[in-house]
Amino acid sequence: KPVRITDQGPSNVLLVQNKRDVATPYSGALNLRRAYGDRARMVSVDAMGHGAAYVENDGSACADRKVTAFLLTGERPERDVLCRS
């Protein structure tokens, strides 16, 4: 059975997704973001591949900063963010 997103559960979610990830398509991340509503923010990275943050040689400093800030403080960006790779 698929997991069903309800109004119960976490309220401080940060999604991180590459726009061209074949393994986990961007469309699925957008659907999940919509399902969470205001409980989530999404950091999208304009890149290919499966790793969107902390990727050696090919990563996005923007995504790294957003994820690091969230991990250190629990604070999400005020709005969804699009980062370049």
C-alpha atoms as a PDB file:
ATOM      1  CA  LYS A   1       0.000   0.000   0.000  1.00  0.00           C
ATOM      2  CA  PRO A   2       1.249   3.500  -0.739  1.00  0.00           C
ATOM      3  CA  VAL A   3       1.956   5.783   2.187  1.00  0.00           C
ATOM      4  CA  ARG A   4      -0.836   8.309   2.660  1.00  0.00           C
ATOM      5  CA  ILE A   5       0.073  11.844   3.701  1.00  0.00           C
ATOM      6  CA  THR A   6      -2.454  13.248   6.172  1.00  0.00           C
ATOM      7  CA  ASP A   7      -2.586  16.345   8.342  1.00  0.00           C
ATOM      8  CA  GLN A   8      -0.967  14.320  11.126  1.00  0.00           C
ATOM      9  CA  GLY A   9       2.789  13.921  11.394  1.00  0.00           C
ATOM     10  CA  PRO A  10       5.830  16.123  11.038  1.00  0.00           C
ATOM     11  CA  SER A  11       5.376  19.838  10.576  1.00  0.00           C
ATOM     12  CA  ASN A  12       8.952  20.864   9.846  1.00  0.00           C
ATOM     13  CA  VAL A  13       9.930  18.999   6.670  1.00  0.00           C
ATOM     14  CA  LEU A  14      12.716  19.894   4.231  1.00  0.00           C
ATOM     15  CA  LEU A  15      12.635  18.096   0.878  1.00  0.00           C
ATOM     16  CA  VAL A  16      15.788  18.175  -1.264  1.00  0.00           C
ATOM     17  CA  GLN A  17      15.524  17.064  -4.891  1.00  0.00           C
ATOM     18  CA  ASN A  18      17.468  17.247  -8.143  1.00  0.00           C
ATOM     19  CA  LYS A  19      15.298  18.304 -11.071  1.00  0.00           C
ATOM     20  CA  ARG A  20      16.697  15.574 -13.341  1.00  0.00           C
ATOM     21  CA  ASP A  21      16.933  12.553 -11.040  1.00  0.00           C
ATOM     22  CA  VAL A  22      15.933   9.436 -12.982  1.00  0.00           C
ATOM     23  CA  ALA A  23      15.716   7.241  -9.857  1.00  0.00           C
ATOM     24  CA  THR A  24      13.322   9.565  -8.008  1.00  0.00           C
ATOM     25  CA  PRO A  25      11.581  11.828 -10.535  1.00  0.00           C
ATOM     26  CA  TYR A  26      11.054  15.501  -9.784  1.00  0.00           C
ATOM     27  CA  SER A  27       7.322  15.144 -10.429  1.00  0.00           C
ATOM     28  CA  GLY A  28       7.075  12.838  -7.414  1.00  0.00           C
ATOM     29  CA  ALA A  29       8.855  15.377  -5.221  1.00  0.00           C
ATOM     30  CA  LEU A  30       6.462  18.096  -6.379  1.00  0.00           C
ATOM     31  CA  ASN A  31       3.490  15.870  -5.533  1.00  0.00           C
ATOM     32  CA  LEU A  32       4.922  15.193  -2.074  1.00  0.00           C
ATOM     33  CA  ARG A  33       5.589  18.909  -1.555  1.00  0.00           C
ATOM     34  CA  ARG A  34       1.964  19.710  -2.416  1.00  0.00           C
ATOM     35  CA  ALA A  35       0.732  16.960  -0.077  1.00  0.00           C
ATOM     36  CA  TYR A  36       2.688  18.410   2.855  1.00  0.00           C
ATOM     37  CA  GLY A  37       1.462  21.926   2.147  1.00  0.00           C
ATOM     38  CA  ASP A  38       2.850  24.562   4.508  1.00  0.00           C
ATOM     39  CA  ARG A  39       4.461  21.895   6.687  1.00  0.00           C
ATOM     40  CA  ALA A  40       7.307  21.552   4.174  1.00  0.00           C
ATOM     41  CA  ARG A  41       9.725  23.508   2.055  1.00  0.00           C
ATOM     42  CA  MET A  42      11.607  22.148  -0.932  1.00  0.00           C
ATOM     43  CA  VAL A  43      15.133  22.813  -2.108  1.00  0.00           C
ATOM     44  CA  SER A  44      15.263  21.957  -5.811  1.00  0.00           C
ATOM     45  CA  VAL A  45      18.641  21.640  -7.516  1.00  0.00           C
ATOM     46  CA  ASP A  46      18.927  22.196 -11.267  1.00  0.00           C
ATOM     47  CA  ALA A  47      21.086  19.105 -11.752  1.00  0.00           C
ATOM     48  CA  MET A  48      21.104  15.471 -12.844  1.00  0.00           C
ATOM     49  CA  GLY A  49      21.748  12.482 -10.630  1.00  0.00           C
ATOM     50  CA  HIS A  50      20.518  11.230  -7.307  1.00  0.00           C
ATOM     51  CA  GLY A  51      22.512  13.277  -4.778  1.00  0.00           C
ATOM     52  CA  ALA A  52      21.321  16.860  -4.354  1.00  0.00           C
ATOM     53  CA  ALA A  53      23.436  18.021  -1.407  1.00  0.00           C
ATOM     54  CA  TYR A  54      26.984  17.391  -0.211  1.00  0.00           C
ATOM     55  CA  VAL A  55      28.035  15.949  -3.572  1.00  0.00           C
ATOM     56  CA  GLU A  56      31.800  16.077  -4.049  1.00  0.00           C
ATOM     57  CA  ASN A  57      33.030  17.945  -7.165  1.00  0.00           C
ATOM     58  CA  ASP A  58      29.569  18.342  -8.700  1.00  0.00           C
ATOM     59  CA  GLY A  59      27.428  19.654  -5.886  1.00  0.00           C
ATOM     60  CA  SER A  60      25.456  22.782  -5.239  1.00  0.00           C
ATOM     61  CA  ALA A  61      26.842  25.172  -2.632  1.00  0.00           C
ATOM     62  CA  CYS A  62      23.353  26.685  -2.406  1.00  0.00           C
ATOM     63  CA  ALA A  63      21.757  23.324  -1.529  1.00  0.00           C
ATOM     64  CA  ASP A  64      24.564  22.543   0.904  1.00  0.00           C
ATOM     65  CA  ARG A  65      23.948  25.839   2.751  1.00  0.00           C
ATOM     66  CA  LYS A  66      20.170  25.321   2.945  1.00  0.00           C
ATOM     67  CA  VAL A  67      20.478  21.742   4.204  1.00  0.00           C
ATOM     68  CA  THR A  68      23.219  22.653   6.699  1.00  0.00           C
ATOM     69  CA  ALA A  69      21.141  25.517   8.103  1.00  0.00           C
ATOM     70  CA  PHE A  70      18.157  23.188   8.513  1.00  0.00           C
ATOM     71  CA  LEU A  71      20.226  20.480  10.217  1.00  0.00           C
ATOM     72  CA  LEU A  72      21.866  22.962  12.599  1.00  0.00           C
ATOM     73  CA  THR A  73      18.818  25.025  13.509  1.00  0.00           C
ATOM     74  CA  GLY A  74      15.709  23.127  12.405  1.00  0.00           C
ATOM     75  CA  GLU A  75      14.658  26.248  10.505  1.00  0.00           C
ATOM     76  CA  ARG A  76      13.401  25.834   6.967  1.00  0.00           C
ATOM     77  CA  PRO A  77      13.800  28.446   4.238  1.00  0.00           C
ATOM     78  CA  GLU A  78      10.903  30.936   4.200  1.00  0.00           C
ATOM     79  CA  ARG A  79       9.866  29.643   0.769  1.00  0.00           C
ATOM     80  CA  ASP A  80      10.862  26.908  -1.667  1.00  0.00           C
ATOM     81  CA  VAL A  81      14.315  27.402  -3.187  1.00  0.00           C
ATOM     82  CA  LEU A  82      15.786  26.619  -6.624  1.00  0.00           C
ATOM     83  CA  CYS A  83      19.558  26.157  -6.577  1.00  0.00           C
ATOM     84  CA  ARG A  84      21.961  25.857  -9.482  1.00  0.00           C
ATOM     85  CA  SER A  85      24.353  22.929  -9.536  1.00  0.00           C
END
